[in-house]
Amino acid sequence: MEKEIEKTMRKKIASKEVSIGMNSTVRAFKNKQLDFIVYAKNISEEMMSVLNKLDINKYVYDGDSESLSIACAKSFNICVLGVKK
């Protein structure tokens, strides 16, 4: 993942300007609230299929869903994260 993208992602996480999880990310996308999407490298094919249908910039996080959850300071695994505008 590009350093600038990761820096923006971490800043938005700190200010709680993200949607966590597939359903809330897709909902935020449909409401035109997202700047880009970040997903863990171990995302399922089914989830990737859903993401591929969304016309938005997507970035692979350099870790798995557990690593992404640590970056978000959450106690549960996170596969998909939508970064709001």
Protein backbone atom coordinates (compact mmCIF):
# COMPACT_ATOMS: atom_id res chain seq x y z
CA MET A 1 0.00 0.00 0.00
CA GLU A 2 1.25 3.47 -0.84
CA LYS A 3 2.51 5.44 2.16
CA GLU A 4 0.26 8.42 1.44
CA ILE A 5 -2.82 6.18 1.29
CA GLU A 6 -1.86 4.48 4.55
CA LYS A 7 -1.26 7.86 6.20
CA THR A 8 -4.71 9.09 5.09
CA MET A 9 -6.31 5.84 6.24
CA ARG A 10 -4.76 6.09 9.72
CA LYS A 11 -5.77 9.75 10.04
CA LYS A 12 -9.39 8.92 9.11
CA ILE A 13 -9.44 5.96 11.51
CA ALA A 14 -8.29 8.23 14.34
CA SER A 15 -11.06 10.71 13.58
CA LYS A 16 -13.60 7.86 13.11
CA GLU A 17 -14.29 8.84 9.49
CA VAL A 18 -14.45 5.25 8.24
CA SER A 19 -17.00 2.55 7.65
CA ILE A 20 -15.98 -0.85 8.92
CA GLY A 21 -17.15 -4.08 7.32
CA MET A 22 -18.54 -5.02 3.94
CA ASN A 23 -22.17 -4.03 4.51
CA SER A 24 -21.49 -0.58 5.95
CA THR A 25 -18.80 0.09 3.32
CA VAL A 26 -21.13 -0.81 0.44
CA ARG A 27 -23.89 1.30 2.02
CA ALA A 28 -21.49 4.28 2.37
CA PHE A 29 -20.40 3.79 -1.26
CA LYS A 30 -24.01 3.89 -2.45
CA ASN A 31 -24.50 7.10 -0.46
CA LYS A 32 -21.41 8.58 -2.15
CA GLN A 33 -19.62 9.04 1.17
CA LEU A 34 -16.36 7.22 0.39
CA ASP A 35 -13.02 8.42 -0.91
CA PHE A 36 -11.52 4.92 -1.26
CA ILE A 37 -11.69 1.38 0.08
CA VAL A 38 -8.98 -0.64 1.83
CA TYR A 39 -9.22 -4.41 2.12
CA ALA A 40 -7.11 -7.08 3.78
CA LYS A 41 -4.99 -9.29 1.55
CA ASN A 42 -6.77 -12.42 2.82
CA ILE A 43 -10.24 -11.29 1.74
CA SER A 44 -12.52 -14.03 0.40
CA GLU A 45 -13.23 -14.39 -3.32
CA GLU A 46 -16.90 -13.70 -2.66
CA MET A 47 -16.11 -10.40 -0.91
CA MET A 48 -13.62 -9.46 -3.64
CA SER A 49 -16.32 -10.07 -6.23
CA VAL A 50 -18.59 -7.59 -4.46
CA LEU A 51 -15.79 -5.01 -4.22
CA ASN A 52 -14.91 -5.40 -7.90
CA LYS A 53 -18.42 -4.24 -8.80
CA LEU A 54 -17.85 -0.90 -7.04
CA ASP A 55 -16.41 1.90 -9.16
CA ILE A 56 -14.02 3.37 -6.60
CA ASN A 57 -10.29 3.23 -5.87
CA LYS A 58 -9.42 0.14 -3.85
CA TYR A 59 -6.17 -0.64 -2.07
CA VAL A 60 -4.85 -3.89 -0.61
CA TYR A 61 -3.69 -3.54 2.98
CA ASP A 62 -0.21 -5.01 3.48
CA GLY A 63 -1.52 -7.40 6.12
CA ASP A 64 -4.33 -9.78 6.79
CA SER A 65 -7.67 -8.99 8.43
CA GLU A 66 -6.14 -9.35 11.89
CA SER A 67 -3.46 -6.77 11.06
CA LEU A 68 -6.07 -4.40 9.64
CA SER A 69 -8.10 -4.72 12.84
CA ILE A 70 -5.01 -3.81 14.88
CA ALA A 71 -4.46 -0.74 12.68
CA CYS A 72 -8.08 0.25 13.40
CA ALA A 73 -7.68 -0.48 17.14
CA LYS A 74 -10.55 -2.98 17.06
CA SER A 75 -10.79 -6.31 18.84
CA PHE A 76 -12.38 -8.07 15.87
CA ASN A 77 -11.02 -8.89 12.42
CA ILE A 78 -11.66 -6.35 9.68
CA CYS A 79 -11.61 -7.39 6.03
CA VAL A 80 -12.98 -4.21 4.45
CA LEU A 81 -12.66 -0.56 5.46
CA GLY A 82 -14.25 2.38 3.65
CA VAL A 83 -12.46 5.72 4.07
CA LYS A 84 -14.91 8.60 3.99
CA LYS A 85 -14.43 11.86 2.07
